[in-house]
Amino acid sequence: MGLAASQARLLMIQARKNDIELQTQFINQARLQLANTVGALFTLTADLNPESPTSQALQARVAAIQQIDKALELQSTRLTTQYKAIEAEYDSLKKIVEKNISATFKLLS
């Protein structure tokens, strides 16, 4: 792979790494909002009779939110795995670019 092609690939990989980081931040922000919502729902349920329909409805809502949180956690894990793979490819490609640059300067001197 030539120097220009390697550099272009390096830039594409960097852009993908940045995209994954942004997606991970969005997921973490959404999970934080879900945790705040669950906390507020638990506060509401603490004042209610556990057998009341309102309390049971709130508990059902908490269970649904926890399922959403689990899905977001799985998505975050998947993105982390992708990020590690892309980071390894980035490091490998960066070494190739450095070798190409080094070889080019040896030819010119």
N, C-alpha and C. Protein backbone atom coordinates (compact mmCIF):
# COMPACT_ATOMS: atom_id res chain seq x y z
N MET A 1 0.86 -1.16 0.00
CA MET A 1 0.00 0.00 0.00
C MET A 1 0.91 1.23 0.00
N GLY A 2 0.63 2.17 -0.89
CA GLY A 2 1.44 3.37 -0.98
C GLY A 2 1.21 4.31 0.17
N LEU A 3 2.08 5.31 0.23
CA LEU A 3 2.01 6.26 1.34
C LEU A 3 0.69 7.04 1.32
N ALA A 4 0.26 7.48 0.16
CA ALA A 4 -0.98 8.25 0.09
C ALA A 4 -2.19 7.39 0.47
N ALA A 5 -2.20 6.16 -0.02
CA ALA A 5 -3.31 5.27 0.31
C ALA A 5 -3.31 4.93 1.80
N SER A 6 -2.13 4.72 2.36
CA SER A 6 -2.03 4.42 3.79
C SER A 6 -2.49 5.61 4.62
N GLN A 7 -2.11 6.79 4.20
CA GLN A 7 -2.51 7.99 4.92
C GLN A 7 -4.02 8.20 4.84
N ALA A 8 -4.60 7.94 3.68
CA ALA A 8 -6.05 8.07 3.52
C ALA A 8 -6.77 7.05 4.41
N ARG A 9 -6.26 5.83 4.44
CA ARG A 9 -6.87 4.80 5.29
C ARG A 9 -6.74 5.17 6.76
N LEU A 10 -5.60 5.74 7.12
CA LEU A 10 -5.37 6.18 8.50
C LEU A 10 -6.40 7.24 8.90
N LEU A 11 -6.67 8.17 8.00
CA LEU A 11 -7.65 9.22 8.29
C LEU A 11 -9.07 8.64 8.40
N MET A 12 -9.38 7.65 7.56
CA MET A 12 -10.70 7.02 7.64
C MET A 12 -10.87 6.27 8.97
N ILE A 13 -9.81 5.59 9.39
CA ILE A 13 -9.87 4.86 10.65
C ILE A 13 -10.01 5.83 11.82
N GLN A 14 -9.29 6.95 11.76
CA GLN A 14 -9.40 7.96 12.82
C GLN A 14 -10.82 8.52 12.90
N ALA A 15 -11.42 8.74 11.74
CA ALA A 15 -12.80 9.24 11.72
C ALA A 15 -13.75 8.21 12.32
N ARG A 16 -13.54 6.93 12.03
CA ARG A 16 -14.40 5.88 12.59
C ARG A 16 -14.21 5.79 14.11
N LYS A 17 -12.96 5.92 14.58
CA LYS A 17 -12.72 5.92 16.03
C LYS A 17 -13.47 7.07 16.70
N ASN A 18 -13.41 8.24 16.09
CA ASN A 18 -14.11 9.40 16.65
C ASN A 18 -15.62 9.18 16.66
N ASP A 19 -16.13 8.55 15.61
CA ASP A 19 -17.56 8.27 15.53
C ASP A 19 -18.00 7.30 16.63
N ILE A 20 -17.20 6.28 16.86
CA ILE A 20 -17.51 5.31 17.91
C ILE A 20 -17.45 5.97 19.28
N GLU A 21 -16.46 6.83 19.49
CA GLU A 21 -16.38 7.54 20.77
C GLU A 21 -17.62 8.40 21.01
N LEU A 22 -18.08 9.08 19.96
CA LEU A 22 -19.27 9.92 20.09
C LEU A 22 -20.51 9.07 20.39
N GLN A 23 -20.65 7.96 19.67
CA GLN A 23 -21.80 7.07 19.93
C GLN A 23 -21.77 6.55 21.35
N THR A 24 -20.59 6.20 21.84
CA THR A 24 -20.45 5.71 23.21
C THR A 24 -20.84 6.78 24.21
N GLN A 25 -20.46 8.01 23.94
CA GLN A 25 -20.83 9.12 24.83
C GLN A 25 -22.35 9.31 24.84
N PHE A 26 -22.99 9.21 23.68
CA PHE A 26 -24.45 9.33 23.62
C PHE A 26 -25.12 8.21 24.42
N ILE A 27 -24.59 7.00 24.29
CA ILE A 27 -25.17 5.87 25.02
C ILE A 27 -25.00 6.08 26.52
N ASN A 28 -23.82 6.52 26.94
CA ASN A 28 -23.59 6.75 28.37
C ASN A 28 -24.49 7.86 28.90
N GLN A 29 -24.71 8.89 28.10
CA GLN A 29 -25.61 9.96 28.51
C GLN A 29 -27.04 9.44 28.64
N ALA A 30 -27.47 8.62 27.71
CA ALA A 30 -28.82 8.05 27.77
C ALA A 30 -28.97 7.15 28.99
N ARG A 31 -27.93 6.36 29.28
CA ARG A 31 -27.99 5.48 30.46
C ARG A 31 -28.04 6.30 31.74
N LEU A 32 -27.34 7.40 31.78
CA LEU A 32 -27.37 8.27 32.95
C LEU A 32 -28.77 8.86 33.15
N GLN A 33 -29.40 9.27 32.06
CA GLN A 33 -30.76 9.79 32.15
C GLN A 33 -31.73 8.71 32.60
N LEU A 34 -31.54 7.49 32.13
CA LEU A 34 -32.39 6.39 32.57
C LEU A 34 -32.20 6.12 34.07
N ALA A 35 -30.96 6.19 34.52
CA ALA A 35 -30.69 5.98 35.95
C ALA A 35 -31.36 7.06 36.79
N ASN A 36 -31.32 8.29 36.32
CA ASN A 36 -32.00 9.38 37.04
C ASN A 36 -33.50 9.16 37.08
N THR A 37 -34.06 8.68 35.97
CA THR A 37 -35.49 8.41 35.91
C THR A 37 -35.87 7.29 36.87
N VAL A 38 -35.08 6.23 36.89
CA VAL A 38 -35.35 5.12 37.80
C VAL A 38 -35.26 5.58 39.25
N GLY A 39 -34.29 6.42 39.54
CA GLY A 39 -34.17 6.96 40.90
C GLY A 39 -35.40 7.76 41.30
N ALA A 40 -35.89 8.56 40.38
CA ALA A 40 -37.09 9.35 40.67
C ALA A 40 -38.31 8.44 40.86
N LEU A 41 -38.40 7.39 40.05
CA LEU A 41 -39.53 6.46 40.19
C LEU A 41 -39.45 5.70 41.51
N PHE A 42 -38.26 5.33 41.93
CA PHE A 42 -38.12 4.66 43.22
C PHE A 42 -38.52 5.58 44.37
N THR A 43 -38.19 6.86 44.22
CA THR A 43 -38.59 7.83 45.25
C THR A 43 -40.11 7.92 45.33
N LEU A 44 -40.75 7.91 44.17
CA LEU A 44 -42.22 7.95 44.16
C LEU A 44 -42.83 6.70 44.76
N THR A 45 -42.22 5.55 44.47
CA THR A 45 -42.78 4.29 44.97
C THR A 45 -42.56 4.11 46.46
N ALA A 46 -41.57 4.77 47.01
CA ALA A 46 -41.28 4.62 48.44
C ALA A 46 -42.43 5.11 49.30
N ASP A 47 -43.17 6.09 48.82
CA ASP A 47 -44.28 6.66 49.59
C ASP A 47 -45.59 5.91 49.39
N LEU A 48 -45.61 4.95 48.48
CA LEU A 48 -46.85 4.25 48.15
C LEU A 48 -46.89 2.87 48.80
N ASN A 49 -48.10 2.35 48.92
CA ASN A 49 -48.31 0.97 49.37
C ASN A 49 -47.85 0.04 48.24
N PRO A 50 -47.00 -0.95 48.53
CA PRO A 50 -46.48 -1.82 47.47
C PRO A 50 -47.56 -2.58 46.70
N GLU A 51 -48.72 -2.75 47.31
CA GLU A 51 -49.81 -3.48 46.66
C GLU A 51 -50.71 -2.59 45.82
N SER A 52 -50.53 -1.28 45.87
CA SER A 52 -51.41 -0.37 45.14
C SER A 52 -51.15 -0.46 43.64
N PRO A 53 -52.18 -0.19 42.83
CA PRO A 53 -52.02 -0.24 41.37
C PRO A 53 -50.99 0.78 40.87
N THR A 54 -50.94 1.93 41.53
CA THR A 54 -49.97 2.95 41.12
C THR A 54 -48.55 2.46 41.35
N SER A 55 -48.31 1.84 42.49
CA SER A 55 -46.99 1.30 42.81
C SER A 55 -46.60 0.20 41.83
N GLN A 56 -47.53 -0.66 41.51
CA GLN A 56 -47.24 -1.74 40.57
C GLN A 56 -46.97 -1.20 39.17
N ALA A 57 -47.70 -0.15 38.78
CA ALA A 57 -47.46 0.46 37.47
C ALA A 57 -46.07 1.09 37.42
N LEU A 58 -45.68 1.75 38.52
CA LEU A 58 -44.34 2.34 38.58
C LEU A 58 -43.26 1.27 38.55
N GLN A 59 -43.50 0.16 39.23
CA GLN A 59 -42.53 -0.93 39.22
C GLN A 59 -42.41 -1.54 37.81
N ALA A 60 -43.52 -1.62 37.10
CA ALA A 60 -43.49 -2.12 35.73
C ALA A 60 -42.70 -1.16 34.84
N ARG A 61 -42.86 0.13 35.07
CA ARG A 61 -42.13 1.12 34.30
C ARG A 61 -40.63 1.02 34.60
N VAL A 62 -40.28 0.81 35.85
CA VAL A 62 -38.88 0.65 36.24
C VAL A 62 -38.29 -0.59 35.54
N ALA A 63 -39.04 -1.67 35.51
CA ALA A 63 -38.57 -2.90 34.85
C ALA A 63 -38.34 -2.66 33.36
N ALA A 64 -39.24 -1.91 32.73
CA ALA A 64 -39.10 -1.60 31.31
C ALA A 64 -37.85 -0.74 31.06
N ILE A 65 -37.63 0.23 31.93
CA ILE A 65 -36.46 1.10 31.80
C ILE A 65 -35.18 0.29 32.00
N GLN A 66 -35.21 -0.66 32.92
CA GLN A 66 -34.03 -1.50 33.15
C GLN A 66 -33.73 -2.37 31.93
N GLN A 67 -34.75 -2.80 31.23
CA GLN A 67 -34.53 -3.57 29.99
C GLN A 67 -33.88 -2.69 28.92
N ILE A 68 -34.34 -1.45 28.83
CA ILE A 68 -33.73 -0.50 27.88
C ILE A 68 -32.28 -0.27 28.24
N ASP A 69 -32.00 -0.15 29.53
CA ASP A 69 -30.62 0.06 29.99
C ASP A 69 -29.74 -1.13 29.63
N LYS A 70 -30.27 -2.34 29.76
CA LYS A 70 -29.49 -3.53 29.40
C LYS A 70 -29.17 -3.54 27.90
N ALA A 71 -30.14 -3.13 27.09
CA ALA A 71 -29.91 -3.07 25.65
C ALA A 71 -28.83 -2.03 25.32
N LEU A 72 -28.89 -0.89 26.00
CA LEU A 72 -27.87 0.13 25.78
C LEU A 72 -26.49 -0.35 26.24
N GLU A 73 -26.46 -1.11 27.33
CA GLU A 73 -25.20 -1.64 27.82
C GLU A 73 -24.59 -2.62 26.81
N LEU A 74 -25.43 -3.46 26.20
CA LEU A 74 -24.95 -4.38 25.17
C LEU A 74 -24.41 -3.63 23.97
N GLN A 75 -25.11 -2.58 23.58
CA GLN A 75 -24.66 -1.77 22.45
C GLN A 75 -23.33 -1.09 22.78
N SER A 76 -23.19 -0.62 24.00
CA SER A 76 -21.94 0.00 24.42
C SER A 76 -20.79 -1.01 24.41
N THR A 77 -21.05 -2.22 24.85
CA THR A 77 -20.03 -3.27 24.83
C THR A 77 -19.61 -3.59 23.41
N ARG A 78 -20.58 -3.65 22.51
CA ARG A 78 -20.28 -3.91 21.09
C ARG A 78 -19.40 -2.81 20.51
N LEU A 79 -19.74 -1.56 20.84
CA LEU A 79 -18.95 -0.44 20.35
C LEU A 79 -17.54 -0.44 20.93
N THR A 80 -17.41 -0.83 22.19
CA THR A 80 -16.09 -0.90 22.81
C THR A 80 -15.23 -1.95 22.12
N THR A 81 -15.83 -3.08 21.77
CA THR A 81 -15.10 -4.12 21.05
C THR A 81 -14.66 -3.62 19.68
N GLN A 82 -15.55 -2.94 18.98
CA GLN A 82 -15.20 -2.37 17.68
C GLN A 82 -14.09 -1.35 17.82
N TYR A 83 -14.16 -0.55 18.86
CA TYR A 83 -13.17 0.49 19.08
C TYR A 83 -11.78 -0.13 19.28
N LYS A 84 -11.72 -1.20 20.07
CA LYS A 84 -10.43 -1.86 20.31
C LYS A 84 -9.86 -2.43 19.03
N ALA A 85 -10.71 -3.02 18.20
CA ALA A 85 -10.24 -3.58 16.92
C ALA A 85 -9.74 -2.48 15.99
N ILE A 86 -10.48 -1.39 15.93
CA ILE A 86 -10.08 -0.28 15.07
C ILE A 86 -8.81 0.38 15.59
N GLU A 87 -8.67 0.45 16.90
CA GLU A 87 -7.47 1.03 17.48
C GLU A 87 -6.24 0.18 17.15
N ALA A 88 -6.39 -1.14 17.18
CA ALA A 88 -5.29 -2.02 16.81
C ALA A 88 -4.92 -1.84 15.34
N GLU A 89 -5.92 -1.73 14.48
CA GLU A 89 -5.66 -1.50 13.06
C GLU A 89 -4.99 -0.14 12.84
N TYR A 90 -5.44 0.85 13.59
CA TYR A 90 -4.87 2.19 13.50
C TYR A 90 -3.38 2.17 13.87
N ASP A 91 -3.05 1.49 14.97
CA ASP A 91 -1.66 1.42 15.40
C ASP A 91 -0.80 0.70 14.37
N SER A 92 -1.31 -0.38 13.81
CA SER A 92 -0.59 -1.13 12.79
C SER A 92 -0.36 -0.28 11.55
N LEU A 93 -1.40 0.40 11.11
CA LEU A 93 -1.29 1.23 9.92
C LEU A 93 -0.37 2.42 10.15
N LYS A 94 -0.37 2.94 11.36
CA LYS A 94 0.50 4.06 11.68
C LYS A 94 1.97 3.63 11.57
N LYS A 95 2.29 2.42 12.00
CA LYS A 95 3.65 1.90 11.87
C LYS A 95 4.04 1.76 10.40
N ILE A 96 3.09 1.31 9.59
CA ILE A 96 3.36 1.17 8.16
C ILE A 96 3.65 2.53 7.54
N VAL A 97 2.87 3.54 7.90
CA VAL A 97 3.08 4.89 7.37
C VAL A 97 4.45 5.41 7.80
N GLU A 98 4.81 5.18 9.06
CA GLU A 98 6.11 5.63 9.55
C GLU A 98 7.25 4.93 8.80
N LYS A 99 7.10 3.63 8.51
CA LYS A 99 8.13 2.91 7.75
C LYS A 99 8.22 3.45 6.33
N ASN A 100 7.07 3.76 5.73
CA ASN A 100 7.08 4.33 4.37
C ASN A 100 7.78 5.68 4.35
N ILE A 101 7.52 6.50 5.34
CA ILE A 101 8.16 7.82 5.43
C ILE A 101 9.66 7.65 5.62
N SER A 102 10.03 6.76 6.52
CA SER A 102 11.45 6.51 6.79
C SER A 102 12.15 6.01 5.52
N ALA A 103 11.54 5.09 4.81
CA ALA A 103 12.14 4.57 3.57
C ALA A 103 12.25 5.66 2.52
N THR A 104 11.26 6.52 2.44
CA THR A 104 11.27 7.59 1.45
C THR A 104 12.41 8.58 1.74
N PHE A 105 12.60 8.93 2.98
CA PHE A 105 13.67 9.87 3.32
C PHE A 105 15.05 9.24 3.15
N LYS A 106 15.17 7.93 3.32
CA LYS A 106 16.45 7.26 3.09
C LYS A 106 16.80 7.33 1.60
N LEU A 107 15.78 7.21 0.74
CA LEU A 107 16.02 7.29 -0.70
C LEU A 107 16.42 8.69 -1.12
N LEU A 108 15.84 9.70 -0.46
CA LEU A 108 16.10 11.08 -0.85
C LEU A 108 17.46 11.58 -0.33
N SER A 109 17.98 10.99 0.71
CA SER A 109 19.24 11.49 1.27
C SER A 109 20.46 10.83 0.70
